[in-house]
Amino acid sequence: MITDPFDRAAMTLGLAGVASPLFALSTSSNNNFVLIQGAGLFVVAVIGACAVLGAVMGIRVLVLAAGVLYLVAALLQLAQFGRSTNWLDGGGSLFALMLGLGIGLLALVLARDRSEPTRME
């Protein structure tokens, strides 16, 4: 059981990334507000799994890497948005999802670093 609140929050964000490909199963326009298809399905889920693994094992570097990878993927999606070359096969909603998850994970890692007391020996 995870007792650290930062690890629990990182696990929650990672699980949100792992569960986000479920948006691809929706066929109704009322609840299909995140367009995830193609390679974006794989990328979002794998990075989310890395965040969950890092949180469960308490490996801060893995959570940090997941946050950075989400931000890199979000910037890639932003750069290719509306062009014929779109490697992640998504749109603005996929960009926003990955940006939010990446910023959230990085904020957790930085907040955890600030909350730990520094030792002056």
PDB file of N, CA and C in Angstrom:
ATOM      1  N   MET A   1       0.833  -1.178   0.000  1.00  0.00           N
ATOM      2  CA  MET A   1       0.000   0.000   0.000  1.00  0.00           C
ATOM      3  C   MET A   1       0.879   1.243   0.000  1.00  0.00           C
ATOM      4  N   ILE A   2       0.521   2.191  -0.813  1.00  0.00           N
ATOM      5  CA  ILE A   2       1.295   3.425  -0.919  1.00  0.00           C
ATOM      6  C   ILE A   2       0.842   4.384   0.173  1.00  0.00           C
ATOM      7  N   THR A   3       1.784   4.845   0.987  1.00  0.00           N
ATOM      8  CA  THR A   3       1.442   5.752   2.076  1.00  0.00           C
ATOM      9  C   THR A   3       1.815   7.194   1.771  1.00  0.00           C
ATOM     10  N   ASP A   4       2.765   7.411   0.893  1.00  0.00           N
ATOM     11  CA  ASP A   4       3.188   8.767   0.567  1.00  0.00           C
ATOM     12  C   ASP A   4       2.135   9.446  -0.311  1.00  0.00           C
ATOM     13  N   PRO A   5       1.654  10.633   0.095  1.00  0.00           N
ATOM     14  CA  PRO A   5       0.613  11.295  -0.706  1.00  0.00           C
ATOM     15  C   PRO A   5       1.092  11.704  -2.100  1.00  0.00           C
ATOM     16  N   PHE A   6       2.355  12.007  -2.250  1.00  0.00           N
ATOM     17  CA  PHE A   6       2.876  12.371  -3.573  1.00  0.00           C
ATOM     18  C   PHE A   6       2.868  11.154  -4.505  1.00  0.00           C
ATOM     19  N   ASP A   7       3.222   9.988  -3.964  1.00  0.00           N
ATOM     20  CA  ASP A   7       3.181   8.772  -4.776  1.00  0.00           C
ATOM     21  C   ASP A   7       1.749   8.400  -5.144  1.00  0.00           C
ATOM     22  N   ARG A   8       0.815   8.615  -4.214  1.00  0.00           N
ATOM     23  CA  ARG A   8      -0.588   8.331  -4.527  1.00  0.00           C
ATOM     24  C   ARG A   8      -1.107   9.249  -5.625  1.00  0.00           C
ATOM     25  N   ALA A   9      -0.723  10.512  -5.562  1.00  0.00           N
ATOM     26  CA  ALA A   9      -1.155  11.455  -6.603  1.00  0.00           C
ATOM     27  C   ALA A   9      -0.516  11.113  -7.947  1.00  0.00           C
ATOM     28  N   ALA A  10       0.755  10.732  -7.933  1.00  0.00           N
ATOM     29  CA  ALA A  10       1.422  10.330  -9.178  1.00  0.00           C
ATOM     30  C   ALA A  10       0.786   9.065  -9.745  1.00  0.00           C
ATOM     31  N   MET A  11       0.394   8.146  -8.874  1.00  0.00           N
ATOM     32  CA  MET A  11      -0.265   6.940  -9.342  1.00  0.00           C
ATOM     33  C   MET A  11      -1.630   7.277  -9.947  1.00  0.00           C
ATOM     34  N   THR A  12      -2.344   8.218  -9.365  1.00  0.00           N
ATOM     35  CA  THR A  12      -3.638   8.629  -9.897  1.00  0.00           C
ATOM     36  C   THR A  12      -3.491   9.257 -11.276  1.00  0.00           C
ATOM     37  N   LEU A  13      -2.504  10.121 -11.445  1.00  0.00           N
ATOM     38  CA  LEU A  13      -2.272  10.722 -12.761  1.00  0.00           C
ATOM     39  C   LEU A  13      -1.839   9.664 -13.776  1.00  0.00           C
ATOM     40  N   GLY A  14      -1.008   8.729 -13.342  1.00  0.00           N
ATOM     41  CA  GLY A  14      -0.600   7.647 -14.237  1.00  0.00           C
ATOM     42  C   GLY A  14      -1.767   6.773 -14.646  1.00  0.00           C
ATOM     43  N   LEU A  15      -2.651   6.481 -13.694  1.00  0.00           N
ATOM     44  CA  LEU A  15      -3.834   5.679 -14.014  1.00  0.00           C
ATOM     45  C   LEU A  15      -4.777   6.427 -14.953  1.00  0.00           C
ATOM     46  N   ALA A  16      -4.825   7.750 -14.812  1.00  0.00           N
ATOM     47  CA  ALA A  16      -5.627   8.540 -15.755  1.00  0.00           C
ATOM     48  C   ALA A  16      -5.055   8.417 -17.161  1.00  0.00           C
ATOM     49  N   GLY A  17      -3.733   8.391 -17.269  1.00  0.00           N
ATOM     50  CA  GLY A  17      -3.106   8.200 -18.575  1.00  0.00           C
ATOM     51  C   GLY A  17      -3.346   6.806 -19.130  1.00  0.00           C
ATOM     52  N   VAL A  18      -3.305   5.815 -18.252  1.00  0.00           N
ATOM     53  CA  VAL A  18      -3.543   4.439 -18.699  1.00  0.00           C
ATOM     54  C   VAL A  18      -4.995   4.264 -19.136  1.00  0.00           C
ATOM     55  N   ALA A  19      -5.916   4.910 -18.443  1.00  0.00           N
ATOM     56  CA  ALA A  19      -7.338   4.760 -18.754  1.00  0.00           C
ATOM     57  C   ALA A  19      -7.803   5.666 -19.889  1.00  0.00           C
ATOM     58  N   SER A  20      -7.017   6.650 -20.262  1.00  0.00           N
ATOM     59  CA  SER A  20      -7.466   7.614 -21.278  1.00  0.00           C
ATOM     60  C   SER A  20      -7.717   7.005 -22.664  1.00  0.00           C
ATOM     61  N   PRO A  21      -7.079   5.908 -23.064  1.00  0.00           N
ATOM     62  CA  PRO A  21      -7.468   5.317 -24.348  1.00  0.00           C
ATOM     63  C   PRO A  21      -8.909   4.821 -24.401  1.00  0.00           C
ATOM     64  N   LEU A  22      -9.585   4.770 -23.264  1.00  0.00           N
ATOM     65  CA  LEU A  22     -10.999   4.396 -23.271  1.00  0.00           C
ATOM     66  C   LEU A  22     -11.847   5.424 -24.019  1.00  0.00           C
ATOM     67  N   PHE A  23     -11.324   6.651 -24.162  1.00  0.00           N
ATOM     68  CA  PHE A  23     -12.039   7.651 -24.946  1.00  0.00           C
ATOM     69  C   PHE A  23     -12.196   7.193 -26.394  1.00  0.00           C
ATOM     70  N   ALA A  24     -11.302   6.354 -26.869  1.00  0.00           N
ATOM     71  CA  ALA A  24     -11.377   5.875 -28.251  1.00  0.00           C
ATOM     72  C   ALA A  24     -12.556   4.938 -28.461  1.00  0.00           C
ATOM     73  N   LEU A  25     -13.072   4.344 -27.400  1.00  0.00           N
ATOM     74  CA  LEU A  25     -14.198   3.428 -27.518  1.00  0.00           C
ATOM     75  C   LEU A  25     -15.530   4.152 -27.656  1.00  0.00           C
ATOM     76  N   SER A  26     -15.546   5.435 -27.324  1.00  0.00           N
ATOM     77  CA  SER A  26     -16.788   6.190 -27.364  1.00  0.00           C
ATOM     78  C   SER A  26     -17.172   6.510 -28.805  1.00  0.00           C
ATOM     79  N   THR A  27     -18.430   6.339 -29.111  1.00  0.00           N
ATOM     80  CA  THR A  27     -18.919   6.653 -30.451  1.00  0.00           C
ATOM     81  C   THR A  27     -19.852   7.854 -30.452  1.00  0.00           C
ATOM     82  N   SER A  28     -20.315   8.261 -29.285  1.00  0.00           N
ATOM     83  CA  SER A  28     -21.237   9.383 -29.192  1.00  0.00           C
ATOM     84  C   SER A  28     -20.467  10.700 -29.192  1.00  0.00           C
ATOM     85  N   SER A  29     -21.008  11.704 -29.848  1.00  0.00           N
ATOM     86  CA  SER A  29     -20.351  13.011 -29.861  1.00  0.00           C
ATOM     87  C   SER A  29     -20.531  13.730 -28.534  1.00  0.00           C
ATOM     88  N   ASN A  30     -21.431  13.262 -27.683  1.00  0.00           N
ATOM     89  CA  ASN A  30     -21.662  13.900 -26.391  1.00  0.00           C
ATOM     90  C   ASN A  30     -20.535  13.648 -25.396  1.00  0.00           C
ATOM     91  N   ASN A  31     -19.901  12.491 -25.447  1.00  0.00           N
ATOM     92  CA  ASN A  31     -18.869  12.171 -24.474  1.00  0.00           C
ATOM     93  C   ASN A  31     -17.519  11.847 -25.127  1.00  0.00           C
ATOM     94  N   ASN A  32     -17.363  12.115 -26.375  1.00  0.00           N
ATOM     95  CA  ASN A  32     -16.098  11.870 -27.064  1.00  0.00           C
ATOM     96  C   ASN A  32     -15.346  13.191 -27.193  1.00  0.00           C
ATOM     97  N   PHE A  33     -14.922  13.728 -26.050  1.00  0.00           N
ATOM     98  CA  PHE A  33     -14.287  15.035 -26.059  1.00  0.00           C
ATOM     99  C   PHE A  33     -12.770  14.981 -26.121  1.00  0.00           C
ATOM    100  N   VAL A  34     -12.168  13.805 -26.074  1.00  0.00           N
ATOM    101  CA  VAL A  34     -10.730  13.644 -26.274  1.00  0.00           C
ATOM    102  C   VAL A  34     -10.541  12.696 -27.444  1.00  0.00           C
ATOM    103  N   LEU A  35      -9.936  13.202 -28.511  1.00  0.00           N
ATOM    104  CA  LEU A  35      -9.705  12.391 -29.700  1.00  0.00           C
ATOM    105  C   LEU A  35      -8.372  11.660 -29.555  1.00  0.00           C
ATOM    106  N   ILE A  36      -8.452  10.366 -29.268  1.00  0.00           N
ATOM    107  CA  ILE A  36      -7.254   9.537 -29.157  1.00  0.00           C
ATOM    108  C   ILE A  36      -7.412   8.392 -30.140  1.00  0.00           C
ATOM    109  N   GLN A  37      -6.453   8.277 -31.037  1.00  0.00           N
ATOM    110  CA  GLN A  37      -6.474   7.198 -32.023  1.00  0.00           C
ATOM    111  C   GLN A  37      -5.050   6.945 -32.489  1.00  0.00           C
ATOM    112  N   GLY A  38      -4.856   5.872 -33.167  1.00  0.00           N
ATOM    113  CA  GLY A  38      -3.549   5.558 -33.745  1.00  0.00           C
ATOM    114  C   GLY A  38      -2.468   5.392 -32.697  1.00  0.00           C
ATOM    115  N   ALA A  39      -1.319   5.984 -32.957  1.00  0.00           N
ATOM    116  CA  ALA A  39      -0.166   5.858 -32.068  1.00  0.00           C
ATOM    117  C   ALA A  39      -0.389   6.560 -30.734  1.00  0.00           C
ATOM    118  N   GLY A  40      -1.277   7.537 -30.712  1.00  0.00           N
ATOM    119  CA  GLY A  40      -1.575   8.235 -29.469  1.00  0.00           C
ATOM    120  C   GLY A  40      -2.123   7.313 -28.397  1.00  0.00           C
ATOM    121  N   LEU A  41      -2.881   6.295 -28.816  1.00  0.00           N
ATOM    122  CA  LEU A  41      -3.396   5.303 -27.863  1.00  0.00           C
ATOM    123  C   LEU A  41      -2.259   4.620 -27.114  1.00  0.00           C
ATOM    124  N   PHE A  42      -1.265   4.206 -27.857  1.00  0.00           N
ATOM    125  CA  PHE A  42      -0.131   3.480 -27.283  1.00  0.00           C
ATOM    126  C   PHE A  42       0.741   4.404 -26.426  1.00  0.00           C
ATOM    127  N   VAL A  43       1.038   5.589 -26.934  1.00  0.00           N
ATOM    128  CA  VAL A  43       1.959   6.509 -26.253  1.00  0.00           C
ATOM    129  C   VAL A  43       1.405   6.942 -24.901  1.00  0.00           C
ATOM    130  N   VAL A  44       0.151   7.358 -24.873  1.00  0.00           N
ATOM    131  CA  VAL A  44      -0.443   7.833 -23.621  1.00  0.00           C
ATOM    132  C   VAL A  44      -0.508   6.719 -22.582  1.00  0.00           C
ATOM    133  N   ALA A  45      -0.879   5.524 -22.998  1.00  0.00           N
ATOM    134  CA  ALA A  45      -0.999   4.404 -22.061  1.00  0.00           C
ATOM    135  C   ALA A  45       0.358   3.947 -21.527  1.00  0.00           C
ATOM    136  N   VAL A  46       1.356   3.873 -22.381  1.00  0.00           N
ATOM    137  CA  VAL A  46       2.679   3.405 -21.940  1.00  0.00           C
ATOM    138  C   VAL A  46       3.334   4.408 -20.990  1.00  0.00           C
ATOM    139  N   ILE A  47       3.222   5.690 -21.308  1.00  0.00           N
ATOM    140  CA  ILE A  47       3.804   6.692 -20.411  1.00  0.00           C
ATOM    141  C   ILE A  47       3.066   6.692 -19.075  1.00  0.00           C
ATOM    142  N   GLY A  48       1.748   6.522 -19.113  1.00  0.00           N
ATOM    143  CA  GLY A  48       0.988   6.420 -17.873  1.00  0.00           C
ATOM    144  C   GLY A  48       1.397   5.221 -17.045  1.00  0.00           C
ATOM    145  N   ALA A  49       1.662   4.097 -17.706  1.00  0.00           N
ATOM    146  CA  ALA A  49       2.121   2.904 -16.994  1.00  0.00           C
ATOM    147  C   ALA A  49       3.481   3.140 -16.340  1.00  0.00           C
ATOM    148  N   CYS A  50       4.344   3.899 -16.989  1.00  0.00           N
ATOM    149  CA  CYS A  50       5.641   4.250 -16.387  1.00  0.00           C
ATOM    150  C   CYS A  50       5.441   5.086 -15.127  1.00  0.00           C
ATOM    151  N   ALA A  51       4.492   6.017 -15.169  1.00  0.00           N
ATOM    152  CA  ALA A  51       4.210   6.843 -13.995  1.00  0.00           C
ATOM    153  C   ALA A  51       3.655   5.993 -12.853  1.00  0.00           C
ATOM    154  N   VAL A  52       2.774   5.063 -13.173  1.00  0.00           N
ATOM    155  CA  VAL A  52       2.225   4.171 -12.141  1.00  0.00           C
ATOM    156  C   VAL A  52       3.321   3.314 -11.545  1.00  0.00           C
ATOM    157  N   LEU A  53       4.171   2.752 -12.379  1.00  0.00           N
ATOM    158  CA  LEU A  53       5.275   1.924 -11.900  1.00  0.00           C
ATOM    159  C   LEU A  53       6.218   2.725 -11.002  1.00  0.00           C
ATOM    160  N   GLY A  54       6.535   3.938 -11.417  1.00  0.00           N
ATOM    161  CA  GLY A  54       7.398   4.796 -10.605  1.00  0.00           C
ATOM    162  C   GLY A  54       6.772   5.138  -9.262  1.00  0.00           C
ATOM    163  N   ALA A  55       5.463   5.356  -9.244  1.00  0.00           N
ATOM    164  CA  ALA A  55       4.788   5.690  -7.995  1.00  0.00           C
ATOM    165  C   ALA A  55       4.712   4.482  -7.064  1.00  0.00           C
ATOM    166  N   VAL A  56       4.397   3.317  -7.623  1.00  0.00           N
ATOM    167  CA  VAL A  56       4.263   2.116  -6.796  1.00  0.00           C
ATOM    168  C   VAL A  56       5.613   1.711  -6.205  1.00  0.00           C
ATOM    169  N   MET A  57       6.671   1.822  -6.994  1.00  0.00           N
ATOM    170  CA  MET A  57       7.996   1.424  -6.516  1.00  0.00           C
ATOM    171  C   MET A  57       8.718   2.554  -5.793  1.00  0.00           C
ATOM    172  N   GLY A  58       8.156   3.755  -5.824  1.00  0.00           N
ATOM    173  CA  GLY A  58       8.786   4.891  -5.154  1.00  0.00           C
ATOM    174  C   GLY A  58      10.007   5.417  -5.881  1.00  0.00           C
ATOM    175  N   ILE A  59      10.051   5.232  -7.189  1.00  0.00           N
ATOM    176  CA  ILE A  59      11.188   5.695  -7.988  1.00  0.00           C
ATOM    177  C   ILE A  59      10.831   7.053  -8.588  1.00  0.00           C
ATOM    178  N   ARG A  60      11.328   8.095  -7.968  1.00  0.00           N
ATOM    179  CA  ARG A  60      11.007   9.456  -8.364  1.00  0.00           C
ATOM    180  C   ARG A  60      11.484   9.773  -9.774  1.00  0.00           C
ATOM    181  N   VAL A  61      12.610   9.217 -10.181  1.00  0.00           N
ATOM    182  CA  VAL A  61      13.155   9.498 -11.509  1.00  0.00           C
ATOM    183  C   VAL A  61      12.229   8.959 -12.601  1.00  0.00           C
ATOM    184  N   LEU A  62      11.583   7.845 -12.345  1.00  0.00           N
ATOM    185  CA  LEU A  62      10.659   7.282 -13.329  1.00  0.00           C
ATOM    186  C   LEU A  62       9.411   8.151 -13.477  1.00  0.00           C
ATOM    187  N   VAL A  63       8.926   8.710 -12.373  1.00  0.00           N
ATOM    188  CA  VAL A  63       7.792   9.634 -12.431  1.00  0.00           C
ATOM    189  C   VAL A  63       8.198  10.900 -13.166  1.00  0.00           C
ATOM    190  N   LEU A  64       9.403  11.380 -12.895  1.00  0.00           N
ATOM    191  CA  LEU A  64       9.919  12.561 -13.590  1.00  0.00           C
ATOM    192  C   LEU A  64      10.055  12.288 -15.084  1.00  0.00           C
ATOM    193  N   ALA A  65      10.570  11.120 -15.440  1.00  0.00           N
ATOM    194  CA  ALA A  65      10.712  10.764 -16.855  1.00  0.00           C
ATOM    195  C   ALA A  65       9.360  10.677 -17.539  1.00  0.00           C
ATOM    196  N   ALA A  66       8.357  10.141 -16.851  1.00  0.00           N
ATOM    197  CA  ALA A  66       7.015  10.076 -17.435  1.00  0.00           C
ATOM    198  C   ALA A  66       6.465  11.474 -17.674  1.00  0.00           C
ATOM    199  N   GLY A  67       6.675  12.371 -16.734  1.00  0.00           N
ATOM    200  CA  GLY A  67       6.222  13.750 -16.920  1.00  0.00           C
ATOM    201  C   GLY A  67       6.904  14.432 -18.091  1.00  0.00           C
ATOM    202  N   VAL A  68       8.211  14.229 -18.209  1.00  0.00           N
ATOM    203  CA  VAL A  68       8.953  14.828 -19.322  1.00  0.00           C
ATOM    204  C   VAL A  68       8.512  14.218 -20.651  1.00  0.00           C
ATOM    205  N   LEU A  69       8.293  12.916 -20.673  1.00  0.00           N
ATOM    206  CA  LEU A  69       7.839  12.266 -21.908  1.00  0.00           C
ATOM    207  C   LEU A  69       6.451  12.754 -22.323  1.00  0.00           C
ATOM    208  N   TYR A  70       5.564  12.974 -21.359  1.00  0.00           N
ATOM    209  CA  TYR A  70       4.256  13.546 -21.689  1.00  0.00           C
ATOM    210  C   TYR A  70       4.406  14.933 -22.297  1.00  0.00           C
ATOM    211  N   LEU A  71       5.295  15.738 -21.739  1.00  0.00           N
ATOM    212  CA  LEU A  71       5.492  17.088 -22.279  1.00  0.00           C
ATOM    213  C   LEU A  71       6.107  17.052 -23.675  1.00  0.00           C
ATOM    214  N   VAL A  72       7.052  16.160 -23.898  1.00  0.00           N
ATOM    215  CA  VAL A  72       7.654  16.033 -25.233  1.00  0.00           C
ATOM    216  C   VAL A  72       6.609  15.574 -26.245  1.00  0.00           C
ATOM    217  N   ALA A  73       5.792  14.597 -25.856  1.00  0.00           N
ATOM    218  CA  ALA A  73       4.740  14.127 -26.756  1.00  0.00           C
ATOM    219  C   ALA A  73       3.705  15.221 -27.015  1.00  0.00           C
ATOM    220  N   ALA A  74       3.405  16.028 -26.004  1.00  0.00           N
ATOM    221  CA  ALA A  74       2.464  17.131 -26.191  1.00  0.00           C
ATOM    222  C   ALA A  74       3.028  18.169 -27.152  1.00  0.00           C
ATOM    223  N   LEU A  75       4.294  18.488 -27.014  1.00  0.00           N
ATOM    224  CA  LEU A  75       4.916  19.441 -27.938  1.00  0.00           C
ATOM    225  C   LEU A  75       4.979  18.890 -29.353  1.00  0.00           C
ATOM    226  N   LEU A  76       5.216  17.594 -29.477  1.00  0.00           N
ATOM    227  CA  LEU A  76       5.202  16.964 -30.800  1.00  0.00           C
ATOM    228  C   LEU A  76       3.811  17.062 -31.415  1.00  0.00           C
ATOM    229  N   GLN A  77       2.786  16.806 -30.609  1.00  0.00           N
ATOM    230  CA  GLN A  77       1.417  16.901 -31.111  1.00  0.00           C
ATOM    231  C   GLN A  77       1.082  18.340 -31.499  1.00  0.00           C
ATOM    232  N   LEU A  78       1.547  19.295 -30.719  1.00  0.00           N
ATOM    233  CA  LEU A  78       1.293  20.703 -31.034  1.00  0.00           C
ATOM    234  C   LEU A  78       1.980  21.105 -32.339  1.00  0.00           C
ATOM    235  N   ALA A  79       3.198  20.646 -32.524  1.00  0.00           N
ATOM    236  CA  ALA A  79       3.938  20.998 -33.739  1.00  0.00           C
ATOM    237  C   ALA A  79       3.308  20.396 -34.989  1.00  0.00           C
ATOM    238  N   GLN A  80       2.689  19.241 -34.847  1.00  0.00           N
ATOM    239  CA  GLN A  80       2.119  18.560 -36.016  1.00  0.00           C
ATOM    240  C   GLN A  80       0.610  18.733 -36.131  1.00  0.00           C
ATOM    241  N   PHE A  81       0.033  19.540 -35.281  1.00  0.00           N
ATOM    242  CA  PHE A  81      -1.414  19.733 -35.275  1.00  0.00           C
ATOM    243  C   PHE A  81      -1.888  20.358 -36.586  1.00  0.00           C
ATOM    244  N   GLY A  82      -2.847  19.720 -37.219  1.00  0.00           N
ATOM    245  CA  GLY A  82      -3.435  20.234 -38.448  1.00  0.00           C
ATOM    246  C   GLY A  82      -2.588  20.036 -39.693  1.00  0.00           C
ATOM    247  N   ARG A  83      -1.571  19.233 -39.608  1.00  0.00           N
ATOM    248  CA  ARG A  83      -0.709  18.978 -40.769  1.00  0.00           C
ATOM    249  C   ARG A  83      -0.909  17.556 -41.254  1.00  0.00           C
ATOM    250  N   SER A  84      -0.420  17.301 -42.446  1.00  0.00           N
ATOM    251  CA  SER A  84      -0.572  15.949 -42.987  1.00  0.00           C
ATOM    252  C   SER A  84       0.289  14.943 -42.215  1.00  0.00           C
ATOM    253  N   THR A  85       1.424  15.384 -41.675  1.00  0.00           N
ATOM    254  CA  THR A  85       2.254  14.517 -40.844  1.00  0.00           C
ATOM    255  C   THR A  85       1.806  14.687 -39.402  1.00  0.00           C
ATOM    256  N   ASN A  86       1.150  13.668 -38.871  1.00  0.00           N
ATOM    257  CA  ASN A  86       0.670  13.700 -37.494  1.00  0.00           C
ATOM    258  C   ASN A  86       0.938  12.326 -36.896  1.00  0.00           C
ATOM    259  N   TRP A  87       2.115  12.164 -36.311  1.00  0.00           N
ATOM    260  CA  TRP A  87       2.560  10.860 -35.837  1.00  0.00           C
ATOM    261  C   TRP A  87       1.668  10.285 -34.746  1.00  0.00           C
ATOM    262  N   LEU A  88       1.142  11.138 -33.869  1.00  0.00           N
ATOM    263  CA  LEU A  88       0.300  10.638 -32.783  1.00  0.00           C
ATOM    264  C   LEU A  88      -1.165  10.550 -33.179  1.00  0.00           C
ATOM    265  N   ASP A  89      -1.500  11.055 -34.344  1.00  0.00           N
ATOM    266  CA  ASP A  89      -2.847  10.933 -34.914  1.00  0.00           C
ATOM    267  C   ASP A  89      -3.917  11.530 -34.005  1.00  0.00           C
ATOM    268  N   GLY A  90      -3.592  12.658 -33.386  1.00  0.00           N
ATOM    269  CA  GLY A  90      -4.543  13.296 -32.481  1.00  0.00           C
ATOM    270  C   GLY A  90      -4.769  14.750 -32.854  1.00  0.00           C
ATOM    271  N   GLY A  91      -5.400  15.454 -31.956  1.00  0.00           N
ATOM    272  CA  GLY A  91      -5.706  16.854 -32.181  1.00  0.00           C
ATOM    273  C   GLY A  91      -5.392  17.675 -30.944  1.00  0.00           C
ATOM    274  N   GLY A  92      -6.102  18.770 -30.811  1.00  0.00           N
ATOM    275  CA  GLY A  92      -5.877  19.663 -29.684  1.00  0.00           C
ATOM    276  C   GLY A  92      -6.246  19.053 -28.350  1.00  0.00           C
ATOM    277  N   SER A  93      -7.240  18.177 -28.341  1.00  0.00           N
ATOM    278  CA  SER A  93      -7.639  17.543 -27.087  1.00  0.00           C
ATOM    279  C   SER A  93      -6.563  16.579 -26.578  1.00  0.00           C
ATOM    280  N   LEU A  94      -5.907  15.879 -27.479  1.00  0.00           N
ATOM    281  CA  LEU A  94      -4.813  14.996 -27.074  1.00  0.00           C
ATOM    282  C   LEU A  94      -3.638  15.822 -26.554  1.00  0.00           C
ATOM    283  N   PHE A  95      -3.367  16.940 -27.223  1.00  0.00           N
ATOM    284  CA  PHE A  95      -2.322  17.849 -26.744  1.00  0.00           C
ATOM    285  C   PHE A  95      -2.628  18.306 -25.323  1.00  0.00           C
ATOM    286  N   ALA A  96      -3.861  18.733 -25.073  1.00  0.00           N
ATOM    287  CA  ALA A  96      -4.241  19.240 -23.753  1.00  0.00           C
ATOM    288  C   ALA A  96      -4.150  18.144 -22.691  1.00  0.00           C
ATOM    289  N   LEU A  97      -4.562  16.938 -23.028  1.00  0.00           N
ATOM    290  CA  LEU A  97      -4.489  15.826 -22.086  1.00  0.00           C
ATOM    291  C   LEU A  97      -3.047  15.534 -21.697  1.00  0.00           C
ATOM    292  N   MET A  98      -2.172  15.409 -22.689  1.00  0.00           N
ATOM    293  CA  MET A  98      -0.766  15.096 -22.395  1.00  0.00           C
ATOM    294  C   MET A  98      -0.081  16.257 -21.677  1.00  0.00           C
ATOM    295  N   LEU A  99      -0.415  17.476 -22.038  1.00  0.00           N
ATOM    296  CA  LEU A  99       0.169  18.634 -21.362  1.00  0.00           C
ATOM    297  C   LEU A  99      -0.243  18.654 -19.897  1.00  0.00           C
ATOM    298  N   GLY A 100      -1.506  18.408 -19.629  1.00  0.00           N
ATOM    299  CA  GLY A 100      -1.979  18.387 -18.253  1.00  0.00           C
ATOM    300  C   GLY A 100      -1.351  17.289 -17.424  1.00  0.00           C
ATOM    301  N   LEU A 101      -1.260  16.102 -17.980  1.00  0.00           N
ATOM    302  CA  LEU A 101      -0.637  14.997 -17.251  1.00  0.00           C
ATOM    303  C   LEU A 101       0.848  15.254 -17.018  1.00  0.00           C
ATOM    304  N   GLY A 102       1.530  15.789 -18.029  1.00  0.00           N
ATOM    305  CA  GLY A 102       2.958  16.072 -17.883  1.00  0.00           C
ATOM    306  C   GLY A 102       3.238  17.140 -16.839  1.00  0.00           C
ATOM    307  N   ILE A 103       2.488  18.227 -16.886  1.00  0.00           N
ATOM    308  CA  ILE A 103       2.681  19.294 -15.896  1.00  0.00           C
ATOM    309  C   ILE A 103       2.331  18.792 -14.503  1.00  0.00           C
ATOM    310  N   GLY A 104       1.274  17.989 -14.399  1.00  0.00           N
ATOM    311  CA  GLY A 104       0.900  17.446 -13.095  1.00  0.00           C
ATOM    312  C   GLY A 104       1.977  16.559 -12.500  1.00  0.00           C
ATOM    313  N   LEU A 105       2.541  15.684 -13.306  1.00  0.00           N
ATOM    314  CA  LEU A 105       3.598  14.794 -12.795  1.00  0.00           C
ATOM    315  C   LEU A 105       4.854  15.576 -12.426  1.00  0.00           C
ATOM    316  N   LEU A 106       5.227  16.541 -13.252  1.00  0.00           N
ATOM    317  CA  LEU A 106       6.408  17.345 -12.922  1.00  0.00           C
ATOM    318  C   LEU A 106       6.179  18.180 -11.666  1.00  0.00           C
ATOM    319  N   ALA A 107       4.982  18.709 -11.505  1.00  0.00           N
ATOM    320  CA  ALA A 107       4.668  19.487 -10.298  1.00  0.00           C
ATOM    321  C   ALA A 107       4.756  18.611  -9.049  1.00  0.00           C
ATOM    322  N   LEU A 108       4.299  17.366  -9.164  1.00  0.00           N
ATOM    323  CA  LEU A 108       4.393  16.459  -8.017  1.00  0.00           C
ATOM    324  C   LEU A 108       5.841  16.162  -7.644  1.00  0.00           C
ATOM    325  N   VAL A 109       6.666  15.914  -8.641  1.00  0.00           N
ATOM    326  CA  VAL A 109       8.076  15.621  -8.359  1.00  0.00           C
ATOM    327  C   VAL A 109       8.755  16.835  -7.729  1.00  0.00           C
ATOM    328  N   LEU A 110       8.495  18.014  -8.258  1.00  0.00           N
ATOM    329  CA  LEU A 110       9.107  19.222  -7.706  1.00  0.00           C
ATOM    330  C   LEU A 110       8.570  19.544  -6.323  1.00  0.00           C
ATOM    331  N   ALA A 111       7.282  19.335  -6.088  1.00  0.00           N
ATOM    332  CA  ALA A 111       6.705  19.595  -4.771  1.00  0.00           C
ATOM    333  C   ALA A 111       7.256  18.618  -3.744  1.00  0.00           C
ATOM    334  N   ARG A 112       7.467  17.389  -4.159  1.00  0.00           N
ATOM    335  CA  ARG A 112       8.029  16.398  -3.243  1.00  0.00           C
ATOM    336  C   ARG A 112       9.455  16.765  -2.864  1.00  0.00           C
ATOM    337  N   ASP A 113      10.229  17.263  -3.829  1.00  0.00           N
ATOM    338  CA  ASP A 113      11.596  17.685  -3.530  1.00  0.00           C
ATOM    339  C   ASP A 113      11.613  18.849  -2.546  1.00  0.00           C
ATOM    340  N   ARG A 114      10.671  19.759  -2.680  1.00  0.00           N
ATOM    341  CA  ARG A 114      10.604  20.924  -1.790  1.00  0.00           C
ATOM    342  C   ARG A 114      10.130  20.554  -0.399  1.00  0.00           C
ATOM    343  N   SER A 115       9.310  19.511  -0.288  1.00  0.00           N
ATOM    344  CA  SER A 115       8.734  19.167   1.019  1.00  0.00           C
ATOM    345  C   SER A 115       9.710  18.390   1.884  1.00  0.00           C
ATOM    346  N   GLU A 116      10.712  17.785   1.297  1.00  0.00           N
ATOM    347  CA  GLU A 116      11.681  17.032   2.083  1.00  0.00           C
ATOM    348  C   GLU A 116      12.673  17.992   2.709  1.00  0.00           C
ATOM    349  N   PRO A 117      12.899  17.868   4.005  1.00  0.00           N
ATOM    350  CA  PRO A 117      13.835  18.786   4.669  1.00  0.00           C
ATOM    351  C   PRO A 117      15.266  18.529   4.199  1.00  0.00           C
ATOM    352  N   THR A 118      16.003  19.595   4.108  1.00  0.00           N
ATOM    353  CA  THR A 118      17.421  19.475   3.725  1.00  0.00           C
ATOM    354  C   THR A 118      18.249  19.275   4.988  1.00  0.00           C
ATOM    355  N   ARG A 119      19.214  18.414   4.881  1.00  0.00           N
ATOM    356  CA  ARG A 119      20.079  18.122   6.022  1.00  0.00           C
ATOM    357  C   ARG A 119      21.356  18.920   5.900  1.00  0.00           C
ATOM    358  N   MET A 120      21.719  19.563   6.979  1.00  0.00           N
ATOM    359  CA  MET A 120      22.985  20.299   7.007  1.00  0.00           C
ATOM    360  C   MET A 120      23.836  19.645   8.086  1.00  0.00           C
ATOM    361  N   GLU A 121      24.699  18.771   7.653  1.00  0.00           N
ATOM    362  CA  GLU A 121      25.518  18.020   8.612  1.00  0.00           C
ATOM    363  C   GLU A 121      26.919  18.561   8.624  1.00  0.00           C
TER     364      GLU A 121
END
